[in-house]
Amino acid sequence: MEKCPACEREFESIHDYPRIYVRDFKRLELPEIIEGRGDYSFLIEKETDGSRLRRKGVLPENVRKGFEDSERKILTYEGMVYRKVHFDQQENIWMYSAREDVTGLVNEVVSRQQVQDALNSLESQVGKEVVVGDLSKNFPSGMSAGDYNDFGLSFVEGHNLRKNGSAVSISLLAGCDVGTLTSWEIGQNLANLYYEGRINKI
C-alpha cells in the first residue's frame, strides 16, 4: 500500500493520487436481467400455516409455475424481478425476493451518446498519465429515465477489484446522489479501469 510522502497516510482510493497511469480499460457486458437495489419483498411459493412465514406475501401463480417449469433461479414478470434465494427447511418451502426490473431503463440510458462519449474518453486514456480529477469531468449526471431523474456515472471502488491491483469500476447509478457508495437504488458496473498511481515527490 502506497503512502502520502508528506503525511504518510495510506492511499486507499484512486482519488488519493494526484495523477495515475492508465494501464487498461475493459467494458463489461450488461446482464440479461438487471434488478434494482432498493427495497425488496420476501415472498413464499405457496400458502403456509407456519407461524414464522404467515405474514409473508405469496409468489404470483404465473411466477411460481415459471420456476417449477424450469431450472432458472431468476425470472421477470410484470415489471418485477423474482429470485429464488432461500430454502426454509423448517417449513419445507422456498422463499423468493422481488425487486424492480430496471433492465430496460439501464439499457436505454447506457445507449445515450453522453454515456458512450464518457466511456470512449476513458478508453482513449489507456497508455497515458493523466490528472485524476480530469477523468470524471465529463461524466454525465442528472439524466432522466422512468421515475428516476438522477442517472449518472461515478467511480466505484471495491475490495474485489483491488485484490488484483489498482482498479476502479465506472458505474451507472440512480436513486440517490451520484457518488454515494451505499444507498443507490440502481447500480450497474459498465467498465473497469486499471491504473498505477503516481505520487508527487517532495
C-alpha atoms as a PDB file:
ATOM      1  CA  MET A   1       0.000   0.000   0.000  1.00  0.00           C
ATOM      2  CA  GLU A   2       1.459   3.358  -1.025  1.00  0.00           C
ATOM      3  CA  LYS A   3       1.550   6.313   1.355  1.00  0.00           C
ATOM      4  CA  CYS A   4       1.410  10.069   1.052  1.00  0.00           C
ATOM      5  CA  PRO A   5       5.025  11.323   1.094  1.00  0.00           C
ATOM      6  CA  ALA A   6       4.006  14.309   3.223  1.00  0.00           C
ATOM      7  CA  CYS A   7       1.760  12.822   5.945  1.00  0.00           C
ATOM      8  CA  GLU A   8       2.346   9.058   5.438  1.00  0.00           C
ATOM      9  CA  ARG A   9      -1.374   8.386   5.167  1.00  0.00           C
ATOM     10  CA  GLU A  10      -2.025   5.175   3.247  1.00  0.00           C
ATOM     11  CA  PHE A  11      -3.573   5.615  -0.180  1.00  0.00           C
ATOM     12  CA  GLU A  12      -6.817   3.647  -0.433  1.00  0.00           C
ATOM     13  CA  SER A  13      -8.581   5.236  -3.414  1.00  0.00           C
ATOM     14  CA  ILE A  14      -7.918   6.468  -6.921  1.00  0.00           C
ATOM     15  CA  HIS A  15      -8.813   9.930  -5.599  1.00  0.00           C
ATOM     16  CA  ASP A  16      -5.810   9.832  -3.234  1.00  0.00           C
ATOM     17  CA  TYR A  17      -3.457  10.123  -6.200  1.00  0.00           C
ATOM     18  CA  PRO A  18      -2.877  13.416  -7.989  1.00  0.00           C
ATOM     19  CA  ARG A  19      -2.110  11.531 -11.206  1.00  0.00           C
ATOM     20  CA  ILE A  20      -2.379   7.968 -12.484  1.00  0.00           C
ATOM     21  CA  TYR A  21      -1.067   5.942 -15.382  1.00  0.00           C
ATOM     22  CA  VAL A  22      -3.979   4.187 -17.115  1.00  0.00           C
ATOM     23  CA  ARG A  23      -2.883   0.595 -17.780  1.00  0.00           C
ATOM     24  CA  ASP A  24      -6.086  -0.796 -19.258  1.00  0.00           C
ATOM     25  CA  PHE A  25      -9.798  -0.207 -19.726  1.00  0.00           C
ATOM     26  CA  LYS A  26     -12.330  -3.019 -20.158  1.00  0.00           C
ATOM     27  CA  ARG A  27     -16.020  -2.618 -20.916  1.00  0.00           C
ATOM     28  CA  LEU A  28     -18.397  -5.069 -19.270  1.00  0.00           C
ATOM     29  CA  GLU A  29     -21.382  -6.773 -20.856  1.00  0.00           C
ATOM     30  CA  LEU A  30     -24.720  -5.823 -19.348  1.00  0.00           C
ATOM     31  CA  PRO A  31     -26.559  -8.717 -17.680  1.00  0.00           C
ATOM     32  CA  GLU A  32     -29.630 -10.153 -19.378  1.00  0.00           C
ATOM     33  CA  ILE A  33     -31.694  -9.135 -16.331  1.00  0.00           C
ATOM     34  CA  ILE A  34     -30.929  -6.133 -14.141  1.00  0.00           C
ATOM     35  CA  GLU A  35     -32.777  -5.685 -10.873  1.00  0.00           C
ATOM     36  CA  GLY A  36     -32.967  -2.610  -8.684  1.00  0.00           C
ATOM     37  CA  ARG A  37     -31.072  -2.468  -5.397  1.00  0.00           C
ATOM     38  CA  GLY A  38     -33.739  -0.691  -3.395  1.00  0.00           C
ATOM     39  CA  ASP A  39     -36.357  -2.161  -1.083  1.00  0.00           C
ATOM     40  CA  TYR A  40     -37.446  -5.693  -1.860  1.00  0.00           C
ATOM     41  CA  SER A  41     -40.148  -8.084  -0.756  1.00  0.00           C
ATOM     42  CA  PHE A  42     -39.634 -11.602   0.557  1.00  0.00           C
ATOM     43  CA  LEU A  43     -42.273 -13.971  -0.821  1.00  0.00           C
ATOM     44  CA  ILE A  44     -43.092 -17.626  -0.252  1.00  0.00           C
ATOM     45  CA  GLU A  45     -44.066 -20.036  -3.027  1.00  0.00           C
ATOM     46  CA  LYS A  46     -47.401 -21.071  -1.514  1.00  0.00           C
ATOM     47  CA  GLU A  47     -49.653 -20.564   1.488  1.00  0.00           C
ATOM     48  CA  THR A  48     -48.280 -21.964   4.732  1.00  0.00           C
ATOM     49  CA  ASP A  49     -49.547 -22.493   8.257  1.00  0.00           C
ATOM     50  CA  GLY A  50     -46.097 -21.851   9.642  1.00  0.00           C
ATOM     51  CA  SER A  51     -46.257 -19.041  12.179  1.00  0.00           C
ATOM     52  CA  ARG A  52     -42.932 -17.566  11.093  1.00  0.00           C
ATOM     53  CA  LEU A  53     -43.978 -17.258   7.440  1.00  0.00           C
ATOM     54  CA  ARG A  54     -47.671 -16.490   7.793  1.00  0.00           C
ATOM     55  CA  ARG A  55     -47.274 -12.759   7.210  1.00  0.00           C
ATOM     56  CA  LYS A  56     -45.112 -13.001   4.099  1.00  0.00           C
ATOM     57  CA  GLY A  57     -46.555 -12.432   0.648  1.00  0.00           C
ATOM     58  CA  VAL A  58     -47.164 -15.280  -1.763  1.00  0.00           C
ATOM     59  CA  LEU A  59     -45.461 -15.637  -5.146  1.00  0.00           C
ATOM     60  CA  PRO A  60     -47.764 -14.852  -8.124  1.00  0.00           C
ATOM     61  CA  GLU A  61     -49.086 -18.082  -9.627  1.00  0.00           C
ATOM     62  CA  ASN A  62     -47.567 -17.451 -13.079  1.00  0.00           C
ATOM     63  CA  VAL A  63     -44.159 -16.862 -11.498  1.00  0.00           C
ATOM     64  CA  ARG A  64     -44.415 -19.980  -9.344  1.00  0.00           C
ATOM     65  CA  LYS A  65     -45.222 -22.058 -12.440  1.00  0.00           C
ATOM     66  CA  GLY A  66     -42.333 -20.435 -14.299  1.00  0.00           C
ATOM     67  CA  PHE A  67     -39.905 -21.571 -11.618  1.00  0.00           C
ATOM     68  CA  GLU A  68     -41.465 -25.031 -11.492  1.00  0.00           C
ATOM     69  CA  ASP A  69     -41.214 -25.493 -15.267  1.00  0.00           C
ATOM     70  CA  SER A  70     -37.549 -24.511 -15.460  1.00  0.00           C
ATOM     71  CA  GLU A  71     -34.331 -24.705 -13.502  1.00  0.00           C
ATOM     72  CA  ARG A  72     -33.892 -20.939 -13.555  1.00  0.00           C
ATOM     73  CA  LYS A  73     -33.306 -19.096 -10.294  1.00  0.00           C
ATOM     74  CA  ILE A  74     -34.363 -15.697 -11.614  1.00  0.00           C
ATOM     75  CA  LEU A  75     -37.444 -14.650 -13.637  1.00  0.00           C
ATOM     76  CA  THR A  76     -39.155 -11.428 -14.679  1.00  0.00           C
ATOM     77  CA  TYR A  77     -42.893 -10.778 -14.577  1.00  0.00           C
ATOM     78  CA  GLU A  78     -44.915  -7.550 -14.854  1.00  0.00           C
ATOM     79  CA  GLY A  79     -42.042  -5.184 -14.107  1.00  0.00           C
ATOM     80  CA  MET A  80     -40.521  -7.186 -11.265  1.00  0.00           C
ATOM     81  CA  VAL A  81     -37.512  -9.492 -10.957  1.00  0.00           C
ATOM     82  CA  TYR A  82     -38.136 -12.606  -8.863  1.00  0.00           C
ATOM     83  CA  ARG A  83     -35.148 -14.524  -7.494  1.00  0.00           C
ATOM     84  CA  LYS A  84     -35.076 -17.859  -5.676  1.00  0.00           C
ATOM     85  CA  VAL A  85     -32.972 -17.088  -2.615  1.00  0.00           C
ATOM     86  CA  HIS A  86     -33.504 -19.449   0.302  1.00  0.00           C
ATOM     87  CA  PHE A  87     -34.992 -22.832   1.205  1.00  0.00           C
ATOM     88  CA  ASP A  88     -36.665 -22.799   4.598  1.00  0.00           C
ATOM     89  CA  GLN A  89     -36.073 -26.314   5.932  1.00  0.00           C
ATOM     90  CA  GLN A  90     -38.356 -25.842   8.918  1.00  0.00           C
ATOM     91  CA  GLU A  91     -41.355 -25.040   6.711  1.00  0.00           C
ATOM     92  CA  ASN A  92     -40.109 -27.091   3.705  1.00  0.00           C
ATOM     93  CA  ILE A  93     -40.701 -24.146   1.376  1.00  0.00           C
ATOM     94  CA  TRP A  94     -38.726 -21.892  -0.982  1.00  0.00           C
ATOM     95  CA  MET A  95     -38.519 -18.165  -0.403  1.00  0.00           C
ATOM     96  CA  TYR A  96     -38.042 -15.540  -3.131  1.00  0.00           C
ATOM     97  CA  SER A  97     -37.062 -11.896  -3.414  1.00  0.00           C
ATOM     98  CA  ALA A  98     -38.965  -9.433  -5.617  1.00  0.00           C
ATOM     99  CA  ARG A  99     -37.323  -6.248  -6.881  1.00  0.00           C
ATOM    100  CA  GLU A 100     -37.955  -3.691  -9.598  1.00  0.00           C
ATOM    101  CA  ASP A 101     -36.929  -4.784 -13.110  1.00  0.00           C
ATOM    102  CA  VAL A 102     -34.703  -1.953 -14.384  1.00  0.00           C
ATOM    103  CA  THR A 103     -33.246  -3.797 -17.400  1.00  0.00           C
ATOM    104  CA  GLY A 104     -34.914  -1.554 -19.981  1.00  0.00           C
ATOM    105  CA  LEU A 105     -34.077   1.658 -18.130  1.00  0.00           C
ATOM    106  CA  VAL A 106     -30.401   0.791 -17.766  1.00  0.00           C
ATOM    107  CA  ASN A 107     -30.013  -0.318 -21.386  1.00  0.00           C
ATOM    108  CA  GLU A 108     -31.697   2.854 -22.645  1.00  0.00           C
ATOM    109  CA  VAL A 109     -29.532   5.179 -20.541  1.00  0.00           C
ATOM    110  CA  VAL A 110     -26.311   3.323 -21.384  1.00  0.00           C
ATOM    111  CA  SER A 111     -27.056   3.723 -25.101  1.00  0.00           C
ATOM    112  CA  ARG A 112     -27.208   7.520 -24.823  1.00  0.00           C
ATOM    113  CA  GLN A 113     -24.466   9.434 -26.589  1.00  0.00           C
ATOM    114  CA  GLN A 114     -23.255  11.276 -23.489  1.00  0.00           C
ATOM    115  CA  VAL A 115     -22.670   7.983 -21.665  1.00  0.00           C
ATOM    116  CA  GLN A 116     -20.875   6.441 -24.621  1.00  0.00           C
ATOM    117  CA  ASP A 117     -18.781   9.596 -25.080  1.00  0.00           C
ATOM    118  CA  ALA A 118     -17.668   9.413 -21.435  1.00  0.00           C
ATOM    119  CA  LEU A 119     -16.680   5.751 -21.767  1.00  0.00           C
ATOM    120  CA  ASN A 120     -14.878   6.407 -25.055  1.00  0.00           C
ATOM    121  CA  SER A 121     -12.965   9.254 -23.414  1.00  0.00           C
ATOM    122  CA  LEU A 122     -11.760   6.990 -20.620  1.00  0.00           C
ATOM    123  CA  GLU A 123     -10.769   4.280 -23.087  1.00  0.00           C
ATOM    124  CA  SER A 124      -8.685   6.816 -25.029  1.00  0.00           C
ATOM    125  CA  GLN A 125      -6.544   7.417 -21.931  1.00  0.00           C
ATOM    126  CA  VAL A 126      -5.017   3.922 -21.938  1.00  0.00           C
ATOM    127  CA  GLY A 127      -1.238   4.199 -22.007  1.00  0.00           C
ATOM    128  CA  LYS A 128      -1.275   7.796 -20.752  1.00  0.00           C
ATOM    129  CA  GLU A 129      -0.515   9.541 -17.475  1.00  0.00           C
ATOM    130  CA  VAL A 130      -3.452  11.744 -16.517  1.00  0.00           C
ATOM    131  CA  VAL A 131      -4.691  14.009 -13.733  1.00  0.00           C
ATOM    132  CA  VAL A 132      -7.243  12.056 -11.706  1.00  0.00           C
ATOM    133  CA  GLY A 133      -9.659  14.974 -11.476  1.00  0.00           C
ATOM    134  CA  ASP A 134      -9.802  15.215 -15.255  1.00  0.00           C
ATOM    135  CA  LEU A 135     -11.029  11.642 -15.716  1.00  0.00           C
ATOM    136  CA  SER A 136     -14.556  12.247 -14.450  1.00  0.00           C
ATOM    137  CA  LYS A 137     -15.102  15.851 -15.512  1.00  0.00           C
ATOM    138  CA  ASN A 138     -17.233  14.727 -18.475  1.00  0.00           C
ATOM    139  CA  PHE A 139     -19.264  12.159 -16.542  1.00  0.00           C
ATOM    140  CA  PRO A 140     -22.971  12.837 -17.227  1.00  0.00           C
ATOM    141  CA  SER A 141     -25.330  13.349 -14.293  1.00  0.00           C
ATOM    142  CA  GLY A 142     -28.950  14.308 -13.714  1.00  0.00           C
ATOM    143  CA  MET A 143     -30.232  12.177 -16.594  1.00  0.00           C
ATOM    144  CA  SER A 144     -33.908  11.207 -16.501  1.00  0.00           C
ATOM    145  CA  ALA A 145     -35.444   7.835 -17.343  1.00  0.00           C
ATOM    146  CA  GLY A 146     -38.593   6.244 -15.979  1.00  0.00           C
ATOM    147  CA  ASP A 147     -39.262   7.503 -12.462  1.00  0.00           C
ATOM    148  CA  TYR A 148     -35.610   8.470 -11.929  1.00  0.00           C
ATOM    149  CA  ASN A 149     -34.098  11.891 -12.641  1.00  0.00           C
ATOM    150  CA  ASP A 150     -30.587  11.362 -11.276  1.00  0.00           C
ATOM    151  CA  PHE A 151     -28.904   8.795 -13.518  1.00  0.00           C
ATOM    152  CA  GLY A 152     -25.186   9.452 -13.724  1.00  0.00           C
ATOM    153  CA  LEU A 153     -21.735   7.878 -13.962  1.00  0.00           C
ATOM    154  CA  SER A 154     -19.412   7.531 -10.995  1.00  0.00           C
ATOM    155  CA  PHE A 155     -16.208   5.782  -9.984  1.00  0.00           C
ATOM    156  CA  VAL A 156     -16.919   2.915  -7.568  1.00  0.00           C
ATOM    157  CA  GLU A 157     -14.104   1.069  -5.833  1.00  0.00           C
ATOM    158  CA  GLY A 158     -14.282  -2.291  -4.141  1.00  0.00           C
ATOM    159  CA  HIS A 159     -12.127  -4.882  -2.423  1.00  0.00           C
ATOM    160  CA  ASN A 160     -12.522  -7.489  -5.179  1.00  0.00           C
ATOM    161  CA  LEU A 161     -11.107  -5.133  -7.798  1.00  0.00           C
ATOM    162  CA  ARG A 162      -8.165  -4.036  -5.671  1.00  0.00           C
ATOM    163  CA  LYS A 163      -7.106  -7.636  -4.925  1.00  0.00           C
ATOM    164  CA  ASN A 164      -5.690  -7.834  -8.449  1.00  0.00           C
ATOM    165  CA  GLY A 165      -4.024  -4.438  -8.394  1.00  0.00           C
ATOM    166  CA  SER A 166      -5.308  -0.887  -8.553  1.00  0.00           C
ATOM    167  CA  ALA A 167      -8.624  -0.735 -10.366  1.00  0.00           C
ATOM    168  CA  VAL A 168     -11.908   1.144 -10.279  1.00  0.00           C
ATOM    169  CA  SER A 169     -15.341   0.491 -11.783  1.00  0.00           C
ATOM    170  CA  ILE A 170     -17.266   3.023 -13.817  1.00  0.00           C
ATOM    171  CA  SER A 171     -20.862   2.568 -12.678  1.00  0.00           C
ATOM    172  CA  LEU A 172     -24.250   3.881 -13.703  1.00  0.00           C
ATOM    173  CA  LEU A 173     -26.092   4.983 -10.556  1.00  0.00           C
ATOM    174  CA  ALA A 174     -29.588   6.275  -9.861  1.00  0.00           C
ATOM    175  CA  GLY A 175     -31.957   6.638  -6.969  1.00  0.00           C
ATOM    176  CA  CYS A 176     -29.609   8.686  -4.792  1.00  0.00           C
ATOM    177  CA  ASP A 177     -27.000  11.436  -5.017  1.00  0.00           C
ATOM    178  CA  VAL A 178     -24.452  10.259  -7.595  1.00  0.00           C
ATOM    179  CA  GLY A 179     -21.238   9.366  -5.783  1.00  0.00           C
ATOM    180  CA  THR A 180     -22.906   7.809  -2.733  1.00  0.00           C
ATOM    181  CA  LEU A 181     -21.469   4.327  -2.387  1.00  0.00           C
ATOM    182  CA  THR A 182     -24.019   2.563  -0.204  1.00  0.00           C
ATOM    183  CA  SER A 183     -27.632   3.504  -0.900  1.00  0.00           C
ATOM    184  CA  TRP A 184     -28.374   3.795  -4.608  1.00  0.00           C
ATOM    185  CA  GLU A 185     -31.476   2.052  -5.944  1.00  0.00           C
ATOM    186  CA  ILE A 186     -29.835   1.318  -9.308  1.00  0.00           C
ATOM    187  CA  GLY A 187     -26.163   0.485  -9.619  1.00  0.00           C
ATOM    188  CA  GLN A 188     -24.690  -1.196 -12.685  1.00  0.00           C
ATOM    189  CA  ASN A 189     -20.997  -1.522 -13.477  1.00  0.00           C
ATOM    190  CA  LEU A 190     -20.226  -0.619 -17.088  1.00  0.00           C
ATOM    191  CA  ALA A 191     -16.429  -0.891 -17.231  1.00  0.00           C
ATOM    192  CA  ASN A 192     -13.251  -1.358 -15.204  1.00  0.00           C
ATOM    193  CA  LEU A 193     -10.258   0.971 -15.372  1.00  0.00           C
ATOM    194  CA  TYR A 194      -6.856  -0.381 -14.278  1.00  0.00           C
ATOM    195  CA  TYR A 195      -4.194   2.075 -13.204  1.00  0.00           C
ATOM    196  CA  GLU A 196      -0.891   2.750 -11.470  1.00  0.00           C
ATOM    197  CA  GLY A 197      -0.776   5.619  -9.009  1.00  0.00           C
ATOM    198  CA  ARG A 198       1.682   8.461  -9.488  1.00  0.00           C
ATOM    199  CA  ILE A 199       2.869  10.383  -6.439  1.00  0.00           C
ATOM    200  CA  ASN A 200       4.301  13.884  -6.347  1.00  0.00           C
ATOM    201  CA  LYS A 201       7.764  13.708  -4.813  1.00  0.00           C
ATOM    202  CA  ILE A 202       8.729  16.160  -2.075  1.00  0.00           C
END
